[in-house]
PDB file of all heavy atoms in Angstrom:
ATOM      1  N   GLY A   1       0.763  -1.250   0.047  1.00  0.00           N
ATOM      2  CA  GLY A   1       0.055  -0.048   0.028  1.00  0.00           C
ATOM      3  C   GLY A   1       0.907   1.245   0.024  1.00  0.00           C
ATOM      4  O   GLY A   1       1.965   1.299   0.451  1.00  0.00           O
ATOM      5  N   PHE A   2       0.241   2.336  -0.571  1.00  0.00           N
ATOM      6  CA  PHE A   2       1.012   3.649  -0.512  1.00  0.00           C
ATOM      7  C   PHE A   2      -0.050   4.753  -0.560  1.00  0.00           C
ATOM      8  O   PHE A   2      -0.600   5.128  -1.541  1.00  0.00           O
ATOM      9  CB  PHE A   2       1.955   3.789  -1.690  1.00  0.00           C
ATOM     10  CG  PHE A   2       2.859   4.907  -1.763  1.00  0.00           C
ATOM     11  CD1 PHE A   2       3.998   4.871  -0.902  1.00  0.00           C
ATOM     12  CD2 PHE A   2       2.584   6.113  -2.483  1.00  0.00           C
ATOM     13  CE1 PHE A   2       4.820   6.054  -0.783  1.00  0.00           C
ATOM     14  CE2 PHE A   2       3.424   7.171  -2.333  1.00  0.00           C
ATOM     15  CZ  PHE A   2       4.544   7.168  -1.530  1.00  0.00           C
ATOM     16  N   LYS A   3      -0.194   5.342   0.538  1.00  0.00           N
ATOM     17  CA  LYS A   3      -1.071   6.531   0.815  1.00  0.00           C
ATOM     18  C   LYS A   3      -0.449   7.453   1.866  1.00  0.00           C
ATOM     19  O   LYS A   3      -0.684   7.278   3.055  1.00  0.00           O
ATOM     20  CB  LYS A   3      -2.550   6.194   1.160  1.00  0.00           C
ATOM     21  CG  LYS A   3      -3.455   7.462   1.131  1.00  0.00           C
ATOM     22  CD  LYS A   3      -3.746   7.911  -0.173  1.00  0.00           C
ATOM     23  CE  LYS A   3      -4.729   9.105  -0.156  1.00  0.00           C
ATOM     24  NZ  LYS A   3      -4.894   9.563  -1.618  1.00  0.00           N
ATOM     25  N   PRO A   4       0.525   8.406   1.451  1.00  0.00           N
ATOM     26  CA  PRO A   4       1.191   9.174   2.395  1.00  0.00           C
ATOM     27  C   PRO A   4       0.145   9.885   3.267  1.00  0.00           C
ATOM     28  O   PRO A   4      -0.886  10.436   2.877  1.00  0.00           O
ATOM     29  CB  PRO A   4       1.974  10.230   1.478  1.00  0.00           C
ATOM     30  CG  PRO A   4       2.220   9.436   0.315  1.00  0.00           C
ATOM     31  CD  PRO A   4       0.918   8.631   0.042  1.00  0.00           C
ATOM     32  N   GLY A   5       0.608   9.966   4.607  1.00  0.00           N
ATOM     33  CA  GLY A   5      -0.307  10.558   5.599  1.00  0.00           C
ATOM     34  C   GLY A   5      -1.273   9.566   6.196  1.00  0.00           C
ATOM     35  O   GLY A   5      -1.853   9.807   7.233  1.00  0.00           O
ATOM     36  N   LYS A   6      -1.386   8.335   5.601  1.00  0.00           N
ATOM     37  CA  LYS A   6      -2.340   7.368   6.121  1.00  0.00           C
ATOM     38  C   LYS A   6      -1.638   6.055   6.312  1.00  0.00           C
ATOM     39  O   LYS A   6      -1.570   5.497   7.429  1.00  0.00           O
ATOM     40  CB  LYS A   6      -3.561   7.186   5.137  1.00  0.00           C
ATOM     41  CG  LYS A   6      -4.430   8.461   5.161  1.00  0.00           C
ATOM     42  CD  LYS A   6      -5.803   8.103   4.459  1.00  0.00           C
ATOM     43  CE  LYS A   6      -6.719   9.357   4.614  1.00  0.00           C
ATOM     44  NZ  LYS A   6      -7.983   9.153   3.907  1.00  0.00           N
ATOM     45  N   LEU A   7      -1.091   5.425   5.096  1.00  0.00           N
ATOM     46  CA  LEU A   7      -0.461   4.103   5.246  1.00  0.00           C
ATOM     47  C   LEU A   7       0.517   3.945   4.162  1.00  0.00           C
ATOM     48  O   LEU A   7       0.209   4.306   2.958  1.00  0.00           O
ATOM     49  CB  LEU A   7      -1.673   2.994   5.136  1.00  0.00           C
ATOM     50  CG  LEU A   7      -1.157   1.528   5.219  1.00  0.00           C
ATOM     51  CD1 LEU A   7      -2.265   0.742   5.845  1.00  0.00           C
ATOM     52  CD2 LEU A   7      -0.768   0.984   3.908  1.00  0.00           C
ATOM     53  N   ILE A   8       1.544   3.469   4.504  1.00  0.00           N
ATOM     54  CA  ILE A   8       2.705   3.016   3.582  1.00  0.00           C
ATOM     55  C   ILE A   8       3.243   1.658   3.805  1.00  0.00           C
ATOM     56  O   ILE A   8       3.631   1.387   5.009  1.00  0.00           O
ATOM     57  CB  ILE A   8       3.883   4.078   3.568  1.00  0.00           C
ATOM     58  CG1 ILE A   8       3.391   5.591   3.147  1.00  0.00           C
ATOM     59  CG2 ILE A   8       5.086   3.711   2.733  1.00  0.00           C
ATOM     60  CD1 ILE A   8       4.371   6.626   3.150  1.00  0.00           C
ATOM     61  N   GLY A   9       3.253   0.884   2.804  1.00  0.00           N
ATOM     62  CA  GLY A   9       3.623  -0.421   2.908  1.00  0.00           C
ATOM     63  C   GLY A   9       5.181  -0.626   2.979  1.00  0.00           C
ATOM     64  O   GLY A   9       5.891   0.182   2.514  1.00  0.00           O
ATOM     65  N   THR A  10       5.671  -1.771   3.420  1.00  0.00           N
ATOM     66  CA  THR A  10       7.083  -2.070   3.546  1.00  0.00           C
ATOM     67  C   THR A  10       7.684  -2.075   2.072  1.00  0.00           C
ATOM     68  O   THR A  10       8.799  -1.591   1.921  1.00  0.00           O
ATOM     69  CB  THR A  10       7.322  -3.419   4.170  1.00  0.00           C
ATOM     70  OG1 THR A  10       6.519  -4.402   3.500  1.00  0.00           O
ATOM     71  CG2 THR A  10       6.963  -3.253   5.681  1.00  0.00           C
ATOM     72  N   ALA A  11       7.010  -2.557   1.171  1.00  0.00           N
ATOM     73  CA  ALA A  11       7.597  -2.732  -0.226  1.00  0.00           C
ATOM     74  C   ALA A  11       6.716  -2.206  -1.275  1.00  0.00           C
ATOM     75  O   ALA A  11       6.334  -2.749  -2.245  1.00  0.00           O
ATOM     76  CB  ALA A  11       7.726  -4.341  -0.587  1.00  0.00           C
ATOM     77  N   TYR A  12       6.370  -0.890  -1.010  1.00  0.00           N
ATOM     78  CA  TYR A  12       5.601  -0.170  -2.083  1.00  0.00           C
ATOM     79  C   TYR A  12       6.499  -0.009  -3.363  1.00  0.00           C
ATOM     80  O   TYR A  12       7.834  -0.008  -3.213  1.00  0.00           O
ATOM     81  CB  TYR A  12       5.194   1.203  -1.689  1.00  0.00           C
ATOM     82  CG  TYR A  12       6.296   2.163  -1.337  1.00  0.00           C
ATOM     83  CD1 TYR A  12       6.712   3.161  -2.271  1.00  0.00           C
ATOM     84  CD2 TYR A  12       6.968   2.243  -0.026  1.00  0.00           C
ATOM     85  CE1 TYR A  12       7.713   4.062  -2.010  1.00  0.00           C
ATOM     86  CE2 TYR A  12       7.968   3.079   0.107  1.00  0.00           C
ATOM     87  CZ  TYR A  12       8.275   3.986  -0.866  1.00  0.00           C
ATOM     88  OH  TYR A  12       9.339   4.885  -0.627  1.00  0.00           O
ATOM     89  N   ARG A  13       5.956   0.081  -4.513  1.00  0.00           N
ATOM     90  CA  ARG A  13       6.685   0.078  -5.793  1.00  0.00           C
ATOM     91  C   ARG A  13       7.104  -1.215  -6.297  1.00  0.00           C
ATOM     92  O   ARG A  13       7.656  -1.297  -7.329  1.00  0.00           O
ATOM     93  CB  ARG A  13       7.850   1.109  -5.697  1.00  0.00           C
ATOM     94  CG  ARG A  13       7.390   2.605  -5.640  1.00  0.00           C
ATOM     95  CD  ARG A  13       8.635   3.501  -5.608  1.00  0.00           C
ATOM     96  NE  ARG A  13       8.130   4.912  -5.515  1.00  0.00           N
ATOM     97  CZ  ARG A  13       8.904   5.872  -5.168  1.00  0.00           C
ATOM     98  NH1 ARG A  13      10.206   5.662  -4.884  1.00  0.00           N
ATOM     99  NH2 ARG A  13       8.453   7.186  -5.084  1.00  0.00           N
ATOM    100  N   ALA A  14       6.909  -2.301  -5.545  1.00  0.00           N
ATOM    101  CA  ALA A  14       7.180  -3.551  -6.190  1.00  0.00           C
ATOM    102  C   ALA A  14       6.136  -3.979  -7.126  1.00  0.00           C
ATOM    103  O   ALA A  14       5.060  -3.397  -7.125  1.00  0.00           O
ATOM    104  CB  ALA A  14       7.301  -4.638  -4.978  1.00  0.00           C
ATOM    105  N   ASN A  15       6.365  -5.084  -7.982  1.00  0.00           N
ATOM    106  CA  ASN A  15       5.321  -5.550  -8.783  1.00  0.00           C
ATOM    107  C   ASN A  15       4.775  -6.736  -8.181  1.00  0.00           C
ATOM    108  O   ASN A  15       5.453  -7.531  -7.365  1.00  0.00           O
ATOM    109  CB  ASN A  15       6.016  -6.053 -10.160  1.00  0.00           C
ATOM    110  CG  ASN A  15       6.485  -4.793 -11.009  1.00  0.00           C
ATOM    111  OD1 ASN A  15       5.810  -3.871 -11.063  1.00  0.00           O
ATOM    112  ND2 ASN A  15       7.652  -5.002 -11.619  1.00  0.00           N
ATOM    113  N   TYR A  16       3.412  -6.986  -8.332  1.00  0.00           N
ATOM    114  CA  TYR A  16       2.750  -8.006  -7.545  1.00  0.00           C
ATOM    115  C   TYR A  16       1.962  -8.963  -8.472  1.00  0.00           C
ATOM    116  O   TYR A  16       1.318  -8.589  -9.373  1.00  0.00           O
ATOM    117  CB  TYR A  16       1.755  -7.351  -6.587  1.00  0.00           C
ATOM    118  CG  TYR A  16       2.417  -6.690  -5.413  1.00  0.00           C
ATOM    119  CD1 TYR A  16       2.901  -5.288  -5.508  1.00  0.00           C
ATOM    120  CD2 TYR A  16       2.821  -7.431  -4.299  1.00  0.00           C
ATOM    121  CE1 TYR A  16       3.615  -4.707  -4.455  1.00  0.00           C
ATOM    122  CE2 TYR A  16       3.435  -6.734  -3.139  1.00  0.00           C
ATOM    123  CZ  TYR A  16       3.855  -5.494  -3.305  1.00  0.00           C
ATOM    124  OH  TYR A  16       4.502  -4.905  -2.335  1.00  0.00           O
ATOM    125  N   LEU A  17       2.045 -10.214  -8.011  1.00  0.00           N
ATOM    126  CA  LEU A  17       1.064 -11.308  -8.413  1.00  0.00           C
ATOM    127  C   LEU A  17       0.121 -11.520  -7.172  1.00  0.00           C
ATOM    128  O   LEU A  17       0.622 -11.618  -6.114  1.00  0.00           O
ATOM    129  CB  LEU A  17       1.750 -12.644  -8.772  1.00  0.00           C
ATOM    130  CG  LEU A  17       2.501 -12.750 -10.045  1.00  0.00           C
ATOM    131  CD1 LEU A  17       3.078 -14.220 -10.170  1.00  0.00           C
ATOM    132  CD2 LEU A  17       1.733 -12.431 -11.250  1.00  0.00           C
ATOM    133  N   LEU A  18      -1.111 -11.654  -7.467  1.00  0.00           N
ATOM    134  CA  LEU A  18      -2.138 -11.884  -6.320  1.00  0.00           C
ATOM    135  C   LEU A  18      -2.722 -13.192  -6.662  1.00  0.00           C
ATOM    136  O   LEU A  18      -3.442 -13.532  -7.735  1.00  0.00           O
ATOM    137  CB  LEU A  18      -3.196 -10.873  -6.322  1.00  0.00           C
ATOM    138  CG  LEU A  18      -2.684  -9.312  -6.111  1.00  0.00           C
ATOM    139  CD1 LEU A  18      -3.781  -8.352  -6.054  1.00  0.00           C
ATOM    140  CD2 LEU A  18      -1.767  -9.260  -4.896  1.00  0.00           C
ATOM    141  N   ALA A  19      -2.630 -14.182  -5.674  1.00  0.00           N
ATOM    142  CA  ALA A  19      -3.226 -15.496  -5.775  1.00  0.00           C
ATOM    143  C   ALA A  19      -4.159 -15.743  -4.595  1.00  0.00           C
ATOM    144  O   ALA A  19      -3.823 -15.701  -3.512  1.00  0.00           O
ATOM    145  CB  ALA A  19      -2.065 -16.573  -5.770  1.00  0.00           C
ATOM    146  N   LYS A  20      -5.402 -16.061  -4.989  1.00  0.00           N
ATOM    147  CA  LYS A  20      -6.404 -16.504  -3.977  1.00  0.00           C
ATOM    148  C   LYS A  20      -6.206 -18.063  -3.830  1.00  0.00           C
ATOM    149  O   LYS A  20      -6.537 -18.802  -4.757  1.00  0.00           O
ATOM    150  CB  LYS A  20      -7.814 -16.184  -4.379  1.00  0.00           C
ATOM    151  CG  LYS A  20      -8.897 -16.585  -3.371  1.00  0.00           C
ATOM    152  CD  LYS A  20     -10.332 -16.133  -3.865  1.00  0.00           C
ATOM    153  CE  LYS A  20     -11.401 -16.465  -2.954  1.00  0.00           C
ATOM    154  NZ  LYS A  20     -12.665 -15.945  -3.435  1.00  0.00           N
ATOM    155  N   THR A  21      -5.747 -18.483  -2.644  1.00  0.00           N
ATOM    156  CA  THR A  21      -5.483 -19.842  -2.381  1.00  0.00           C
ATOM    157  C   THR A  21      -6.333 -20.435  -1.208  1.00  0.00           C
ATOM    158  O   THR A  21      -6.163 -21.568  -0.929  1.00  0.00           O
ATOM    159  CB  THR A  21      -3.989 -20.162  -2.139  1.00  0.00           C
ATOM    160  OG1 THR A  21      -3.646 -19.512  -1.003  1.00  0.00           O
ATOM    161  CG2 THR A  21      -3.189 -19.652  -3.273  1.00  0.00           C
ATOM    162  N   GLU A  22      -6.978 -19.561  -0.487  1.00  0.00           N
ATOM    163  CA  GLU A  22      -7.610 -19.977   0.835  1.00  0.00           C
ATOM    164  C   GLU A  22      -9.156 -19.874   0.534  1.00  0.00           C
ATOM    165  O   GLU A  22      -9.687 -18.842   0.249  1.00  0.00           O
ATOM    166  CB  GLU A  22      -7.232 -19.058   2.024  1.00  0.00           C
ATOM    167  CG  GLU A  22      -7.986 -19.206   3.156  1.00  0.00           C
ATOM    168  CD  GLU A  22      -7.800 -20.478   3.907  1.00  0.00           C
ATOM    169  OE1 GLU A  22      -6.874 -21.271   3.617  1.00  0.00           O
ATOM    170  OE2 GLU A  22      -8.454 -20.734   4.967  1.00  0.00           O
ATOM    171  N   ASN A  23      -9.892 -20.948   0.925  1.00  0.00           N
ATOM    172  CA  ASN A  23     -11.267 -20.992   0.886  1.00  0.00           C
ATOM    173  C   ASN A  23     -11.747 -20.668   2.356  1.00  0.00           C
ATOM    174  O   ASN A  23     -11.576 -21.583   3.190  1.00  0.00           O
ATOM    175  CB  ASN A  23     -11.768 -22.364   0.431  1.00  0.00           C
ATOM    176  CG  ASN A  23     -13.265 -22.383   0.513  1.00  0.00           C
ATOM    177  OD1 ASN A  23     -13.963 -21.523   0.817  1.00  0.00           O
ATOM    178  ND2 ASN A  23     -13.865 -23.631   0.180  1.00  0.00           N
ATOM    179  N   THR A  24     -12.316 -19.555   2.624  1.00  0.00           N
ATOM    180  CA  THR A  24     -12.640 -19.252   3.995  1.00  0.00           C
ATOM    181  C   THR A  24     -14.022 -19.747   4.423  1.00  0.00           C
ATOM    182  O   THR A  24     -14.335 -19.670   5.510  1.00  0.00           O
ATOM    183  CB  THR A  24     -12.789 -17.638   4.028  1.00  0.00           C
ATOM    184  OG1 THR A  24     -13.729 -17.156   3.137  1.00  0.00           O
ATOM    185  CG2 THR A  24     -11.355 -17.032   3.819  1.00  0.00           C
TER     186      THR A  24
END
């Protein structure tokens, strides 16, 4: 995440793959 003044993630500016692997 990246929203100055609110929340900044550890690895902002990285490229991401998102995988849904968990059935809740």
